[in-house]
PDB file of N, CA and C in Angstrom:
ATOM      1  N   MET A   1      66.296  88.749  58.800  1.00  0.00           N
ATOM      2  CA  MET A   1      65.281  89.143  59.751  1.00  0.00           C
ATOM      3  C   MET A   1      63.939  88.813  59.033  1.00  0.00           C
ATOM      4  N   ALA A   2      62.984  88.213  59.772  1.00  0.00           N
ATOM      5  CA  ALA A   2      61.677  87.823  59.328  1.00  0.00           C
ATOM      6  C   ALA A   2      60.850  89.131  59.164  1.00  0.00           C
ATOM      7  N   LYS A   3      60.018  89.082  58.143  1.00  0.00           N
ATOM      8  CA  LYS A   3      59.116  90.192  57.977  1.00  0.00           C
ATOM      9  C   LYS A   3      57.657  89.706  57.976  1.00  0.00           C
ATOM     10  N   ALA A   4      56.769  90.511  58.595  1.00  0.00           N
ATOM     11  CA  ALA A   4      55.363  90.159  58.755  1.00  0.00           C
ATOM     12  C   ALA A   4      54.488  91.270  58.261  1.00  0.00           C
ATOM     13  N   LEU A   5      53.234  90.841  57.897  1.00  0.00           N
ATOM     14  CA  LEU A   5      52.295  91.716  57.460  1.00  0.00           C
ATOM     15  C   LEU A   5      50.994  91.425  58.325  1.00  0.00           C
ATOM     16  N   VAL A   6      50.494  92.373  58.986  1.00  0.00           N
ATOM     17  CA  VAL A   6      49.266  92.273  59.757  1.00  0.00           C
ATOM     18  C   VAL A   6      48.216  93.164  59.078  1.00  0.00           C
ATOM     19  N   VAL A   7      47.156  92.561  58.613  1.00  0.00           N
ATOM     20  CA  VAL A   7      46.117  93.297  57.978  1.00  0.00           C
ATOM     21  C   VAL A   7      44.782  93.022  58.815  1.00  0.00           C
ATOM     22  N   TYR A   8      44.060  94.099  58.990  1.00  0.00           N
ATOM     23  CA  TYR A   8      42.856  94.016  59.884  1.00  0.00           C
ATOM     24  C   TYR A   8      41.719  94.697  59.081  1.00  0.00           C
ATOM     25  N   ALA A   9      40.504  94.280  59.458  1.00  0.00           N
ATOM     26  CA  ALA A   9      39.214  94.946  59.058  1.00  0.00           C
ATOM     27  C   ALA A   9      38.494  95.072  60.393  1.00  0.00           C
ATOM     28  N   THR A  10      37.899  96.235  60.546  1.00  0.00           N
ATOM     29  CA  THR A  10      37.179  96.527  61.723  1.00  0.00           C
ATOM     30  C   THR A  10      36.022  97.444  61.611  1.00  0.00           C
ATOM     31  N   ILE A  11      34.931  97.235  62.392  1.00  0.00           N
ATOM     32  CA  ILE A  11      33.878  98.147  62.486  1.00  0.00           C
ATOM     33  C   ILE A  11      33.896  98.883  63.811  1.00  0.00           C
ATOM     34  N   THR A  12      34.108  98.202  64.883  1.00  0.00           N
ATOM     35  CA  THR A  12      34.083  98.747  66.240  1.00  0.00           C
ATOM     36  C   THR A  12      35.441  99.183  66.732  1.00  0.00           C
ATOM     37  N   GLY A  13      36.495  98.852  65.972  1.00  0.00           N
ATOM     38  CA  GLY A  13      37.833  99.240  66.443  1.00  0.00           C
ATOM     39  C   GLY A  13      38.607  98.062  67.203  1.00  0.00           C
ATOM     40  N   ASN A  14      37.805  97.023  67.623  1.00  0.00           N
ATOM     41  CA  ASN A  14      38.440  95.929  68.342  1.00  0.00           C
ATOM     42  C   ASN A  14      39.490  95.195  67.537  1.00  0.00           C
ATOM     43  N   ASN A  15      39.242  94.923  66.339  1.00  0.00           N
ATOM     44  CA  ASN A  15      40.242  94.243  65.505  1.00  0.00           C
ATOM     45  C   ASN A  15      41.454  94.995  65.329  1.00  0.00           C
ATOM     46  N   GLU A  16      41.370  96.371  65.185  1.00  0.00           N
ATOM     47  CA  GLU A  16      42.567  97.174  65.138  1.00  0.00           C
ATOM     48  C   GLU A  16      43.348  97.082  66.415  1.00  0.00           C
ATOM     49  N   ASP A  17      42.725  96.947  67.533  1.00  0.00           N
ATOM     50  CA  ASP A  17      43.404  96.782  68.811  1.00  0.00           C
ATOM     51  C   ASP A  17      44.104  95.369  68.797  1.00  0.00           C
ATOM     52  N   VAL A  18      43.405  94.342  68.287  1.00  0.00           N
ATOM     53  CA  VAL A  18      44.019  92.977  68.216  1.00  0.00           C
ATOM     54  C   VAL A  18      45.266  93.010  67.260  1.00  0.00           C
ATOM     55  N   ALA A  19      45.096  93.773  66.091  1.00  0.00           N
ATOM     56  CA  ALA A  19      46.221  93.890  65.268  1.00  0.00           C
ATOM     57  C   ALA A  19      47.385  94.647  65.826  1.00  0.00           C
ATOM     58  N   ASP A  20      47.087  95.632  66.589  1.00  0.00           N
ATOM     59  CA  ASP A  20      48.160  96.277  67.286  1.00  0.00           C
ATOM     60  C   ASP A  20      48.933  95.508  68.264  1.00  0.00           C
ATOM     61  N   ILE A  21      48.230  94.586  69.041  1.00  0.00           N
ATOM     62  CA  ILE A  21      48.785  93.673  70.018  1.00  0.00           C
ATOM     63  C   ILE A  21      49.683  92.651  69.333  1.00  0.00           C
ATOM     64  N   ILE A  22      49.208  92.145  68.083  1.00  0.00           N
ATOM     65  CA  ILE A  22      49.977  91.160  67.353  1.00  0.00           C
ATOM     66  C   ILE A  22      51.273  91.864  66.823  1.00  0.00           C
ATOM     67  N   THR A  23      51.068  93.086  66.251  1.00  0.00           N
ATOM     68  CA  THR A  23      52.238  93.874  65.756  1.00  0.00           C
ATOM     69  C   THR A  23      53.287  94.121  66.828  1.00  0.00           C
ATOM     70  N   GLU A  24      52.853  94.493  67.914  1.00  0.00           N
ATOM     71  CA  GLU A  24      53.778  94.793  69.072  1.00  0.00           C
ATOM     72  C   GLU A  24      54.449  93.483  69.487  1.00  0.00           C
ATOM     73  N   SER A  25      53.730  92.443  69.504  1.00  0.00           N
ATOM     74  CA  SER A  25      54.395  91.134  69.902  1.00  0.00           C
ATOM     75  C   SER A  25      55.475  90.622  68.824  1.00  0.00           C
ATOM     76  N   PHE A  26      55.181  90.804  67.633  1.00  0.00           N
ATOM     77  CA  PHE A  26      56.161  90.545  66.598  1.00  0.00           C
ATOM     78  C   PHE A  26      57.384  91.431  66.745  1.00  0.00           C
ATOM     79  N   GLU A  27      57.161  92.675  67.025  1.00  0.00           N
ATOM     80  CA  GLU A  27      58.283  93.596  67.020  1.00  0.00           C
ATOM     81  C   GLU A  27      59.187  93.296  68.303  1.00  0.00           C
ATOM     82  N   GLU A  28      58.588  92.878  69.386  1.00  0.00           N
ATOM     83  CA  GLU A  28      59.292  92.391  70.533  1.00  0.00           C
ATOM     84  C   GLU A  28      60.206  91.265  70.214  1.00  0.00           C
ATOM     85  N   GLN A  29      59.825  90.453  69.234  1.00  0.00           N
ATOM     86  CA  GLN A  29      60.602  89.255  68.857  1.00  0.00           C
ATOM     87  C   GLN A  29      61.574  89.620  67.691  1.00  0.00           C
ATOM     88  N   GLY A  30      61.687  90.894  67.353  1.00  0.00           N
ATOM     89  CA  GLY A  30      62.616  91.291  66.299  1.00  0.00           C
ATOM     90  C   GLY A  30      62.145  91.079  64.911  1.00  0.00           C
ATOM     91  N   VAL A  31      60.831  90.872  64.777  1.00  0.00           N
ATOM     92  CA  VAL A  31      60.341  90.789  63.401  1.00  0.00           C
ATOM     93  C   VAL A  31      59.811  92.157  62.857  1.00  0.00           C
ATOM     94  N   GLU A  32      60.338  92.378  61.612  1.00  0.00           N
ATOM     95  CA  GLU A  32      59.864  93.710  60.952  1.00  0.00           C
ATOM     96  C   GLU A  32      58.403  93.559  60.462  1.00  0.00           C
ATOM     97  N   VAL A  33      57.635  94.459  60.916  1.00  0.00           N
ATOM     98  CA  VAL A  33      56.117  94.264  60.776  1.00  0.00           C
ATOM     99  C   VAL A  33      55.555  95.557  60.079  1.00  0.00           C
ATOM    100  N   ASP A  34      54.692  95.260  59.052  1.00  0.00           N
ATOM    101  CA  ASP A  34      53.811  96.282  58.440  1.00  0.00           C
ATOM    102  C   ASP A  34      52.379  95.963  58.844  1.00  0.00           C
ATOM    103  N   GLU A  35      51.701  96.972  59.339  1.00  0.00           N
ATOM    104  CA  GLU A  35      50.244  96.769  59.704  1.00  0.00           C
ATOM    105  C   GLU A  35      49.446  97.757  58.826  1.00  0.00           C
ATOM    106  N   THR A  36      48.337  97.206  58.290  1.00  0.00           N
ATOM    107  CA  THR A  36      47.450  98.016  57.458  1.00  0.00           C
ATOM    108  C   THR A  36      46.018  97.600  57.490  1.00  0.00           C
ATOM    109  N   GLU A  37      45.139  98.546  57.291  1.00  0.00           N
ATOM    110  CA  GLU A  37      43.664  98.274  57.225  1.00  0.00           C
ATOM    111  C   GLU A  37      43.406  97.591  55.894  1.00  0.00           C
ATOM    112  N   ILE A  38      42.486  96.560  55.879  1.00  0.00           N
ATOM    113  CA  ILE A  38      42.369  95.585  54.809  1.00  0.00           C
ATOM    114  C   ILE A  38      42.052  96.285  53.419  1.00  0.00           C
ATOM    115  N   THR A  39      41.332  97.375  53.396  1.00  0.00           N
ATOM    116  CA  THR A  39      40.968  98.063  52.185  1.00  0.00           C
ATOM    117  C   THR A  39      42.260  98.799  51.610  1.00  0.00           C
ATOM    118  N   MET A  40      43.326  98.923  52.349  1.00  0.00           N
ATOM    119  CA  MET A  40      44.509  99.574  51.906  1.00  0.00           C
ATOM    120  C   MET A  40      45.566  98.549  51.404  1.00  0.00           C
ATOM    121  N   ALA A  41      45.319  97.245  51.663  1.00  0.00           N
ATOM    122  CA  ALA A  41      46.274  96.147  51.250  1.00  0.00           C
ATOM    123  C   ALA A  41      46.155  95.848  49.838  1.00  0.00           C
ATOM    124  N   ASP A  42      47.250  95.424  49.202  1.00  0.00           N
ATOM    125  CA  ASP A  42      47.264  94.947  47.849  1.00  0.00           C
ATOM    126  C   ASP A  42      47.785  93.553  47.935  1.00  0.00           C
ATOM    127  N   VAL A  43      47.547  92.786  46.828  1.00  0.00           N
ATOM    128  CA  VAL A  43      47.952  91.454  46.686  1.00  0.00           C
ATOM    129  C   VAL A  43      49.526  91.353  46.789  1.00  0.00           C
ATOM    130  N   GLU A  44      50.138  92.273  46.149  1.00  0.00           N
ATOM    131  CA  GLU A  44      51.568  92.380  46.140  1.00  0.00           C
ATOM    132  C   GLU A  44      52.155  92.479  47.558  1.00  0.00           C
ATOM    133  N   ASP A  45      51.465  93.087  48.480  1.00  0.00           N
ATOM    134  CA  ASP A  45      51.906  93.235  49.815  1.00  0.00           C
ATOM    135  C   ASP A  45      52.231  91.861  50.530  1.00  0.00           C
ATOM    136  N   PHE A  46      51.362  90.871  50.153  1.00  0.00           N
ATOM    137  CA  PHE A  46      51.529  89.611  50.743  1.00  0.00           C
ATOM    138  C   PHE A  46      52.777  88.731  50.169  1.00  0.00           C
ATOM    139  N   GLN A  47      53.214  89.129  49.052  1.00  0.00           N
ATOM    140  CA  GLN A  47      54.239  88.364  48.373  1.00  0.00           C
ATOM    141  C   GLN A  47      55.676  88.565  48.935  1.00  0.00           C
ATOM    142  N   ASP A  48      55.921  89.685  49.665  1.00  0.00           N
ATOM    143  CA  ASP A  48      57.295  89.932  50.095  1.00  0.00           C
ATOM    144  C   ASP A  48      57.419  89.793  51.647  1.00  0.00           C
ATOM    145  N   VAL A  49      56.564  89.035  52.259  1.00  0.00           N
ATOM    146  CA  VAL A  49      56.677  88.731  53.705  1.00  0.00           C
ATOM    147  C   VAL A  49      56.762  87.286  54.053  1.00  0.00           C
ATOM    148  N   ASP A  50      57.258  87.012  55.223  1.00  0.00           N
ATOM    149  CA  ASP A  50      57.321  85.649  55.669  1.00  0.00           C
ATOM    150  C   ASP A  50      56.142  85.121  56.504  1.00  0.00           C
ATOM    151  N   ILE A  51      55.523  86.101  57.052  1.00  0.00           N
ATOM    152  CA  ILE A  51      54.313  85.793  57.945  1.00  0.00           C
ATOM    153  C   ILE A  51      53.202  86.751  57.544  1.00  0.00           C
ATOM    154  N   CYS A  52      51.940  86.147  57.390  1.00  0.00           N
ATOM    155  CA  CYS A  52      50.809  87.005  57.093  1.00  0.00           C
ATOM    156  C   CYS A  52      49.769  86.710  58.161  1.00  0.00           C
ATOM    157  N   VAL A  53      49.231  87.687  58.769  1.00  0.00           N
ATOM    158  CA  VAL A  53      48.158  87.644  59.764  1.00  0.00           C
ATOM    159  C   VAL A  53      47.079  88.527  59.293  1.00  0.00           C
ATOM    160  N   VAL A  54      45.889  87.892  59.183  1.00  0.00           N
ATOM    161  CA  VAL A  54      44.612  88.719  58.707  1.00  0.00           C
ATOM    162  C   VAL A  54      43.627  88.656  59.823  1.00  0.00           C
ATOM    163  N   CYS A  55      43.251  89.772  60.335  1.00  0.00           N
ATOM    164  CA  CYS A  55      42.178  89.873  61.390  1.00  0.00           C
ATOM    165  C   CYS A  55      40.886  90.436  60.734  1.00  0.00           C
ATOM    166  N   PRO A  56      40.038  89.589  60.232  1.00  0.00           N
ATOM    167  CA  PRO A  56      38.831  90.038  59.594  1.00  0.00           C
ATOM    168  C   PRO A  56      37.710  90.240  60.723  1.00  0.00           C
ATOM    169  N   TYR A  57      36.760  91.101  60.407  1.00  0.00           N
ATOM    170  CA  TYR A  57      35.648  91.205  61.404  1.00  0.00           C
ATOM    171  C   TYR A  57      34.597  90.187  61.061  1.00  0.00           C
ATOM    172  N   THR A  58      33.866  89.730  62.033  1.00  0.00           N
ATOM    173  CA  THR A  58      32.749  88.692  61.941  1.00  0.00           C
ATOM    174  C   THR A  58      31.439  89.210  62.442  1.00  0.00           C
ATOM    175  N   TYR A  59      31.330  90.578  62.286  1.00  0.00           N
ATOM    176  CA  TYR A  59      30.096  91.218  62.812  1.00  0.00           C
ATOM    177  C   TYR A  59      28.896  90.753  62.044  1.00  0.00           C
ATOM    178  N   ASP A  60      27.802  90.448  62.771  1.00  0.00           N
ATOM    179  CA  ASP A  60      26.523  89.991  62.153  1.00  0.00           C
ATOM    180  C   ASP A  60      25.385  90.647  62.956  1.00  0.00           C
ATOM    181  N   GLU A  61      24.405  91.161  62.257  1.00  0.00           N
ATOM    182  CA  GLU A  61      23.299  91.742  62.897  1.00  0.00           C
ATOM    183  C   GLU A  61      22.187  90.818  63.386  1.00  0.00           C
ATOM    184  N   GLY A  62      22.570  89.496  63.357  1.00  0.00           N
ATOM    185  CA  GLY A  62      21.603  88.482  63.784  1.00  0.00           C
ATOM    186  C   GLY A  62      20.842  87.913  62.647  1.00  0.00           C
ATOM    187  N   ALA A  63      21.379  88.162  61.468  1.00  0.00           N
ATOM    188  CA  ALA A  63      20.713  87.635  60.221  1.00  0.00           C
ATOM    189  C   ALA A  63      20.806  86.172  60.159  1.00  0.00           C
TER     190      ALA A  63
END
């Protein structure tokens, strides 16, 4: 069975919602998934999975 890691960073909560959708979609396909907020992820987490998805935020205050 394939294993995936979905890592997200969010300010508004929108990217967490995106990560949840991606996680649910993988689970529906029979993929074992771990989902975590980016500050809780370690380099080692990425070594033991077949699929890595990172959802970073791109928030900018107009700078």
